[in-house]
N, C-alpha and C. Protein backbone atom coordinates (compact mmCIF):
# COMPACT_ATOMS: atom_id res chain seq x y z
N MET A 1 -116.28 -153.01 -95.38
CA MET A 1 -116.26 -154.10 -96.47
C MET A 1 -115.29 -153.56 -97.30
N TYR A 2 -115.63 -152.33 -97.73
CA TYR A 2 -114.71 -151.77 -99.32
C TYR A 2 -114.05 -150.81 -99.32
N SER A 3 -112.81 -150.61 -99.73
CA SER A 3 -111.89 -149.32 -99.60
C SER A 3 -112.78 -148.00 -100.24
N ALA A 4 -112.23 -147.05 -99.96
CA ALA A 4 -113.05 -145.58 -99.98
C ALA A 4 -112.98 -145.92 -101.73
N SER A 5 -111.53 -146.16 -102.02
CA SER A 5 -111.60 -146.09 -103.86
C SER A 5 -112.48 -147.09 -104.41
N VAL A 6 -112.53 -148.13 -104.21
CA VAL A 6 -113.93 -149.01 -104.76
C VAL A 6 -114.64 -148.90 -104.48
N ARG A 7 -114.85 -147.78 -102.93
CA ARG A 7 -116.39 -147.61 -102.82
C ARG A 7 -116.93 -146.42 -104.34
N ASN A 8 -115.83 -145.43 -104.28
CA ASN A 8 -116.14 -144.47 -105.61
C ASN A 8 -116.42 -144.95 -106.79
N SER A 9 -115.79 -145.87 -107.32
CA SER A 9 -115.58 -146.57 -108.17
C SER A 9 -117.20 -147.61 -108.94
N THR A 10 -117.64 -147.67 -107.30
CA THR A 10 -118.72 -148.83 -108.03
C THR A 10 -119.83 -147.97 -108.25
N PRO A 11 -120.54 -148.51 -109.07
CA PRO A 11 -122.09 -147.67 -109.29
C PRO A 11 -122.54 -147.85 -107.70
N LYS A 12 -123.81 -146.63 -108.04
CA LYS A 12 -124.23 -146.09 -106.63
C LYS A 12 -125.65 -147.50 -106.57
N TYR A 13 -126.33 -147.83 -107.70
CA TYR A 13 -127.28 -149.30 -107.77
C TYR A 13 -126.51 -150.11 -107.12
N LEU A 14 -124.99 -150.45 -107.11
CA LEU A 14 -124.21 -151.63 -106.82
C LEU A 14 -123.70 -151.66 -105.63
N GLN A 15 -123.85 -150.74 -105.19
CA GLN A 15 -123.31 -150.39 -103.60
C GLN A 15 -124.87 -150.57 -102.90
N GLU A 16 -125.81 -149.91 -103.59
CA GLU A 16 -126.89 -150.24 -102.53
C GLU A 16 -127.68 -151.44 -102.48
N ILE A 17 -127.29 -152.36 -103.51
CA ILE A 17 -127.26 -153.90 -103.16
C ILE A 17 -126.42 -154.49 -102.95
N ASN A 18 -125.24 -154.31 -102.23
CA ASN A 18 -124.64 -154.87 -101.52
C ASN A 18 -124.72 -154.72 -100.42
N SER A 19 -125.34 -153.31 -100.08
CA SER A 19 -125.42 -152.87 -98.94
C SER A 19 -126.82 -153.93 -98.13
N ARG A 20 -127.85 -154.12 -99.00
CA ARG A 20 -129.13 -154.65 -98.77
C ARG A 20 -128.38 -155.90 -98.56
N VAL A 21 -127.80 -156.92 -98.92
CA VAL A 21 -127.61 -157.89 -99.23
C VAL A 21 -126.31 -158.15 -97.59
N SER A 22 -125.54 -157.15 -97.52
CA SER A 22 -124.86 -157.61 -96.21
C SER A 22 -125.90 -157.37 -95.00
N MET A 23 -126.96 -156.47 -94.92
CA MET A 23 -127.65 -156.36 -93.62
C MET A 23 -128.97 -157.65 -93.73
N LYS A 24 -129.17 -158.24 -95.13
CA LYS A 24 -129.79 -159.25 -94.72
C LYS A 24 -129.11 -160.78 -94.49
N LEU A 25 -127.49 -160.48 -95.04
CA LEU A 25 -127.28 -161.50 -94.21
C LEU A 25 -126.78 -161.85 -92.81
N LYS A 26 -126.40 -160.64 -92.49
CA LYS A 26 -126.60 -160.64 -90.79
C LYS A 26 -127.20 -161.13 -89.98
N LYS A 27 -128.71 -161.21 -90.52
CA LYS A 27 -129.95 -161.52 -89.68
C LYS A 27 -130.42 -163.01 -89.86
N VAL A 28 -129.70 -163.86 -91.19
CA VAL A 28 -129.29 -165.02 -91.25
C VAL A 28 -128.78 -165.97 -90.19
N LYS A 29 -129.21 -166.60 -89.32
CA LYS A 29 -128.53 -167.52 -88.00
C LYS A 29 -127.51 -168.65 -89.43
N ARG A 30 -126.66 -168.49 -88.49
CA ARG A 30 -125.46 -169.61 -89.20
C ARG A 30 -125.29 -171.00 -88.72
N THR A 31 -125.58 -171.88 -88.87
CA THR A 31 -125.67 -172.81 -88.36
C THR A 31 -124.21 -173.80 -88.09
N CYS A 32 -124.50 -174.62 -87.21
CA CYS A 32 -122.71 -175.55 -86.90
C CYS A 32 -123.40 -176.77 -86.83
N SER A 33 -124.87 -177.14 -87.22
CA SER A 33 -124.98 -178.46 -87.48
C SER A 33 -124.22 -179.39 -88.38
N GLU A 34 -124.52 -180.43 -87.80
CA GLU A 34 -124.04 -181.58 -89.17
C GLU A 34 -125.32 -182.45 -89.45
N ILE A 35 -126.63 -181.97 -89.40
CA ILE A 35 -127.40 -182.25 -90.36
C ILE A 35 -127.65 -181.47 -90.96
N LEU A 36 -127.64 -182.24 -92.49
CA LEU A 36 -127.58 -181.72 -93.91
C LEU A 36 -128.95 -180.52 -93.90
N GLU A 37 -130.11 -181.12 -93.54
CA GLU A 37 -131.28 -180.72 -94.04
C GLU A 37 -131.13 -179.43 -93.12
N THR A 38 -130.82 -179.57 -92.00
CA THR A 38 -130.40 -177.75 -91.36
C THR A 38 -129.28 -177.43 -91.86
N ARG A 39 -128.40 -177.60 -92.30
CA ARG A 39 -127.63 -176.96 -93.28
C ARG A 39 -127.89 -176.09 -94.67
N GLN A 40 -128.55 -177.12 -95.11
CA GLN A 40 -129.45 -176.93 -96.43
C GLN A 40 -130.61 -175.79 -96.26
N LEU A 41 -131.39 -175.79 -95.46
CA LEU A 41 -132.13 -174.55 -94.96
C LEU A 41 -131.50 -173.35 -94.42
N TYR A 42 -130.24 -173.23 -94.01
CA TYR A 42 -129.12 -172.37 -93.76
C TYR A 42 -128.81 -171.84 -95.33
N GLU A 43 -128.31 -172.38 -96.25
CA GLU A 43 -127.80 -172.34 -97.50
C GLU A 43 -129.10 -171.85 -98.21
N ASP A 44 -130.12 -172.15 -98.21
CA ASP A 44 -131.21 -171.83 -99.38
C ASP A 44 -131.78 -170.39 -98.86
N GLN A 45 -131.35 -170.06 -97.60
CA GLN A 45 -131.40 -168.63 -97.00
C GLN A 45 -130.83 -167.61 -97.70
N VAL A 46 -129.53 -168.23 -97.56
CA VAL A 46 -128.69 -167.25 -98.20
C VAL A 46 -128.81 -167.40 -99.94
N LEU A 47 -128.69 -167.88 -100.08
CA LEU A 47 -129.17 -168.49 -101.79
C LEU A 47 -130.40 -167.19 -101.77
N GLU A 48 -131.40 -167.21 -101.39
CA GLU A 48 -132.85 -166.01 -101.93
C GLU A 48 -132.23 -164.84 -101.76
N ILE A 49 -131.12 -164.82 -100.79
CA ILE A 49 -130.58 -163.26 -100.81
C ILE A 49 -129.92 -162.80 -101.77
N TYR A 50 -129.55 -163.74 -102.35
CA TYR A 50 -128.40 -163.13 -103.55
C TYR A 50 -129.08 -163.32 -104.97
N GLN A 51 -130.32 -164.48 -104.54
CA GLN A 51 -131.38 -164.14 -105.67
C GLN A 51 -131.63 -162.93 -106.12
N GLU A 52 -132.50 -162.49 -104.97
CA GLU A 52 -132.83 -161.19 -104.75
C GLU A 52 -131.98 -160.13 -105.25
N ALA A 53 -130.94 -160.33 -105.15
CA ALA A 53 -129.90 -159.27 -105.68
C ALA A 53 -129.36 -159.27 -107.01
N PHE A 54 -129.41 -160.76 -107.21
CA PHE A 54 -129.30 -160.59 -109.00
C PHE A 54 -130.53 -160.16 -109.60
N ASN A 55 -131.36 -160.78 -109.17
CA ASN A 55 -132.47 -160.08 -109.82
C ASN A 55 -132.57 -158.62 -109.77
N GLU A 56 -132.37 -157.80 -109.15
CA GLU A 56 -131.89 -156.31 -109.11
C GLU A 56 -130.79 -155.69 -110.08
N LEU A 57 -129.99 -156.72 -109.53
CA LEU A 57 -128.52 -156.40 -110.81
C LEU A 57 -129.26 -156.18 -112.68
N ILE A 58 -129.73 -157.34 -112.48
CA ILE A 58 -130.46 -157.51 -114.17
C ILE A 58 -131.14 -156.54 -114.58
N GLN A 59 -132.16 -156.02 -113.31
CA GLN A 59 -132.90 -154.88 -113.69
C GLN A 59 -131.92 -153.55 -113.85
N TYR A 60 -131.07 -153.61 -113.20
CA TYR A 60 -130.38 -152.03 -113.20
C TYR A 60 -129.20 -152.37 -114.68
N SER A 61 -128.68 -153.44 -114.83
CA SER A 61 -127.74 -153.25 -115.83
C SER A 61 -128.52 -153.75 -117.23
N VAL A 62 -128.70 -152.59 -117.73
CA VAL A 62 -128.86 -152.45 -119.40
C VAL A 62 -128.09 -153.58 -120.31
N THR A 63 -127.06 -153.08 -120.30
CA THR A 63 -125.80 -153.69 -120.95
C THR A 63 -125.77 -154.92 -121.18
N TYR A 64 -125.79 -155.60 -119.91
CA TYR A 64 -125.84 -157.09 -119.96
C TYR A 64 -126.98 -158.11 -119.39
N SER A 65 -127.75 -157.10 -119.00
CA SER A 65 -128.99 -158.12 -118.48
C SER A 65 -129.31 -159.45 -119.67
N SER A 66 -129.09 -158.99 -121.11
CA SER A 66 -129.64 -160.37 -121.77
C SER A 66 -128.28 -161.52 -121.24
N THR A 67 -127.29 -161.08 -120.95
CA THR A 67 -126.26 -162.25 -120.52
C THR A 67 -126.90 -163.10 -119.04
N LEU A 68 -127.11 -161.81 -118.54
CA LEU A 68 -127.25 -161.96 -116.74
C LEU A 68 -128.66 -163.02 -116.69
N ILE A 69 -129.54 -162.68 -117.56
CA ILE A 69 -131.07 -163.80 -117.49
C ILE A 69 -130.52 -165.35 -117.56
N ASN A 70 -129.73 -165.30 -119.15
CA ASN A 70 -129.06 -166.51 -119.25
C ASN A 70 -128.35 -167.42 -118.30
N ILE A 71 -127.73 -166.61 -117.53
CA ILE A 71 -126.93 -167.08 -116.19
C ILE A 71 -128.21 -167.51 -115.23
N LYS A 72 -128.97 -166.49 -114.90
CA LYS A 72 -129.87 -166.76 -114.00
C LYS A 72 -130.82 -168.12 -114.63
N GLN A 73 -131.28 -168.00 -115.47
CA GLN A 73 -132.08 -169.23 -116.13
C GLN A 73 -131.49 -170.54 -116.14
N ALA A 74 -130.26 -170.13 -116.25
CA ALA A 74 -128.97 -172.04 -115.95
C ALA A 74 -129.38 -172.25 -114.33
N TYR A 75 -128.77 -171.44 -113.78
CA TYR A 75 -128.85 -171.60 -112.43
C TYR A 75 -130.34 -171.64 -111.77
N ASP A 76 -130.99 -171.28 -112.31
CA ASP A 76 -132.47 -171.77 -111.87
C ASP A 76 -133.33 -173.48 -112.17
N SER A 77 -132.76 -173.34 -113.48
CA SER A 77 -133.12 -175.11 -113.69
C SER A 77 -131.94 -175.45 -112.82
N ALA A 78 -130.90 -175.52 -112.97
CA ALA A 78 -130.16 -176.81 -111.82
C ALA A 78 -130.59 -176.38 -110.53
N LEU A 79 -131.17 -175.41 -109.90
CA LEU A 79 -131.49 -175.57 -108.61
C LEU A 79 -132.90 -176.23 -108.76
N GLN A 80 -133.96 -176.11 -109.68
CA GLN A 80 -135.09 -176.86 -109.77
C GLN A 80 -135.01 -178.55 -109.51
N ILE A 81 -134.45 -178.57 -110.51
CA ILE A 81 -133.90 -180.03 -111.00
C ILE A 81 -133.37 -180.53 -109.36
N ARG A 82 -132.15 -180.22 -108.69
CA ARG A 82 -132.27 -180.55 -107.28
C ARG A 82 -133.11 -180.57 -106.21
N ASP A 83 -133.81 -179.65 -106.39
CA ASP A 83 -135.15 -179.40 -105.30
C ASP A 83 -135.92 -181.00 -105.85
N GLU A 84 -136.01 -181.36 -107.00
CA GLU A 84 -137.06 -182.17 -107.52
C GLU A 84 -136.30 -183.54 -106.83
N ARG A 85 -135.07 -183.85 -107.30
CA ARG A 85 -133.73 -184.99 -106.67
C ARG A 85 -134.63 -184.89 -104.86
N ILE A 86 -134.44 -184.19 -104.59
CA ILE A 86 -134.61 -184.05 -103.06
C ILE A 86 -136.01 -184.29 -102.69
N SER A 87 -136.58 -183.94 -103.36
CA SER A 87 -138.06 -184.16 -102.75
C SER A 87 -138.70 -185.79 -102.91
N GLN A 88 -137.99 -186.42 -104.34
CA GLN A 88 -137.88 -187.69 -104.85
C GLN A 88 -137.03 -188.34 -103.69
N PHE A 89 -135.93 -188.21 -103.41
CA PHE A 89 -135.45 -188.79 -101.84
C PHE A 89 -136.02 -188.93 -100.91
N ILE A 90 -136.83 -187.92 -100.58
CA ILE A 90 -137.65 -187.73 -99.18
C ILE A 90 -138.78 -188.65 -99.41
N THR A 91 -139.78 -188.72 -100.51
CA THR A 91 -140.74 -189.52 -100.97
C THR A 91 -140.14 -190.74 -100.82
N GLN A 92 -139.25 -191.22 -101.55
CA GLN A 92 -138.86 -192.69 -101.43
C GLN A 92 -138.02 -193.04 -99.72
N ASP A 93 -137.69 -192.15 -99.25
CA ASP A 93 -137.49 -192.19 -97.67
C ASP A 93 -138.65 -192.66 -97.01
N LEU A 94 -139.62 -192.05 -97.21
CA LEU A 94 -141.12 -191.89 -96.27
C LEU A 94 -141.89 -193.42 -96.76
N PHE A 95 -141.76 -193.86 -98.42
CA PHE A 95 -142.22 -195.39 -98.79
C PHE A 95 -141.41 -196.55 -97.61
N LYS A 96 -140.03 -196.30 -97.78
CA LYS A 96 -139.38 -197.15 -97.30
C LYS A 96 -139.98 -197.75 -95.78
N GLN A 97 -140.54 -196.15 -94.89
CA GLN A 97 -140.62 -196.51 -93.85
C GLN A 97 -141.56 -197.87 -93.35
């Protein structure tokens, strides 16, 4: 995945995070489905893996932790609104039936 020179210059904790991400991503079954719900479930699994990695990065990165926390909060807020909108659409569809 990375060349030896890049690996050597990358902090050990980041190498470990990248390794865990790679292992977890290999376990997630990719979908070729045209169904949006199925594709969304796949993407949500991938997103969860990266969210865990980002949380680890925040813990290790003292220098940039406040900036990383702000980035995380912005993404989490956007994802929460997305999830609420999806839930609202599902509820509306149920009432139409």
